[in-house]
Amino acid sequence: MLTKVTSLRKLDGFQLSVRFADGSEGVHDFAEMVREPGPLTEPLRDEAYFARVFLEFGAPTWPNGFDIAPEWLRREMSAAGELGHVAAE
């Protein structure tokens, strides 16, 4: 099954609430990621810019073209114990 993010919500700092197409969801802190060196992550260190995240083809994306593979994000969140499953609405 193709992994897609279906919704994002900005929380405090560099945290995002993330829901996946399979109904799993959780909160992930991207503070470590935005400290990584590089021209694409540098603008994300500004919380106002980080908050401009949007979904493009099921991937969290920023205006400068930086995006996060949903498969990678789901693996990271699962390994960190950050995922739960939401009941059907």
Protein backbone atom coordinates (compact mmCIF):
# COMPACT_ATOMS: atom_id res chain seq x y z
CA MET A 1 0.00 0.00 0.00
CA LEU A 2 1.23 3.45 -0.89
CA THR A 3 1.96 5.57 2.18
CA LYS A 4 0.49 9.06 2.06
CA VAL A 5 0.01 11.81 4.58
CA THR A 6 -3.62 12.94 4.48
CA SER A 7 -3.48 15.81 6.97
CA LEU A 8 -0.98 17.97 8.82
CA ARG A 9 -1.42 20.38 11.68
CA LYS A 10 1.33 22.66 13.00
CA LEU A 11 1.84 22.49 16.75
CA ASP A 12 4.35 24.23 19.04
CA GLY A 13 7.95 24.63 17.93
CA PHE A 14 8.83 22.26 15.12
CA GLN A 15 6.13 19.71 15.85
CA LEU A 16 3.54 18.52 13.37
CA SER A 17 0.48 16.39 13.98
CA VAL A 18 0.44 13.92 11.09
CA ARG A 19 -2.29 11.57 9.85
CA PHE A 20 -1.60 8.86 7.30
CA ALA A 21 -3.99 7.31 4.77
CA ASP A 22 -4.13 4.06 6.76
CA GLY A 23 -5.66 5.93 9.73
CA SER A 24 -2.52 6.02 11.85
CA GLU A 25 -1.57 9.38 13.31
CA GLY A 26 0.78 10.99 15.76
CA VAL A 27 2.97 13.95 16.57
CA HIS A 28 6.52 14.24 15.32
CA ASP A 29 9.14 16.79 16.36
CA PHE A 30 11.25 17.93 13.41
CA ALA A 31 13.66 20.06 15.53
CA GLU A 32 16.57 17.68 14.89
CA MET A 33 15.87 17.57 11.16
CA VAL A 34 15.80 21.36 10.73
CA ARG A 35 19.24 21.61 12.40
CA GLU A 36 20.74 19.44 9.66
CA PRO A 37 23.13 21.46 7.44
CA GLY A 38 22.06 22.37 3.96
CA PRO A 39 20.45 25.09 1.90
CA LEU A 40 17.01 23.43 1.90
CA THR A 41 16.76 22.91 5.68
CA GLU A 42 18.17 26.33 6.62
CA PRO A 43 14.92 28.27 5.97
CA LEU A 44 12.97 25.71 8.03
CA ARG A 45 14.82 26.82 11.18
CA ASP A 46 12.55 29.87 11.23
CA GLU A 47 9.33 28.69 12.93
CA ALA A 48 7.20 31.01 10.79
CA TYR A 49 8.66 29.46 7.63
CA PHE A 50 8.36 25.95 9.07
CA ALA A 51 4.66 26.64 9.68
CA ARG A 52 4.16 27.14 5.92
CA VAL A 53 4.22 23.36 5.43
CA PHE A 54 1.59 21.95 3.06
CA LEU A 55 0.77 18.62 1.47
CA GLU A 56 1.82 17.90 -2.09
CA PHE A 57 1.04 14.43 -3.45
CA GLY A 58 0.77 13.10 0.11
CA ALA A 59 4.15 14.46 1.25
CA PRO A 60 4.85 17.28 3.74
CA THR A 61 6.39 20.03 1.59
CA TRP A 62 7.68 23.57 2.06
CA PRO A 63 7.68 26.50 -0.38
CA ASN A 64 11.40 26.07 -1.14
CA GLY A 65 10.74 22.58 -2.54
CA PHE A 66 11.98 20.62 0.49
CA ASP A 67 9.76 17.62 1.13
CA ILE A 68 9.67 14.56 3.32
CA ALA A 69 9.01 11.10 1.94
CA PRO A 70 5.87 9.82 3.68
CA GLU A 71 7.34 6.30 3.87
CA TRP A 72 10.39 7.60 5.73
CA LEU A 73 8.25 9.70 8.07
CA ARG A 74 5.96 6.79 8.89
CA ARG A 75 8.97 4.52 9.64
CA GLU A 76 10.54 7.18 11.88
CA MET A 77 7.32 7.80 13.77
CA SER A 78 6.63 4.08 14.16
CA ALA A 79 10.15 3.39 15.46
CA ALA A 80 9.80 6.24 17.97
CA GLY A 81 6.45 4.94 19.22
CA GLU A 82 4.70 8.10 18.03
CA LEU A 83 1.91 6.46 16.02
CA GLY A 84 -1.57 5.53 17.19
CA HIS A 85 -4.59 4.49 15.19
CA VAL A 86 -7.71 6.63 14.99
CA ALA A 87 -11.16 5.12 15.08
CA ALA A 88 -13.22 5.29 11.92
CA GLU A 89 -15.17 8.50 11.70
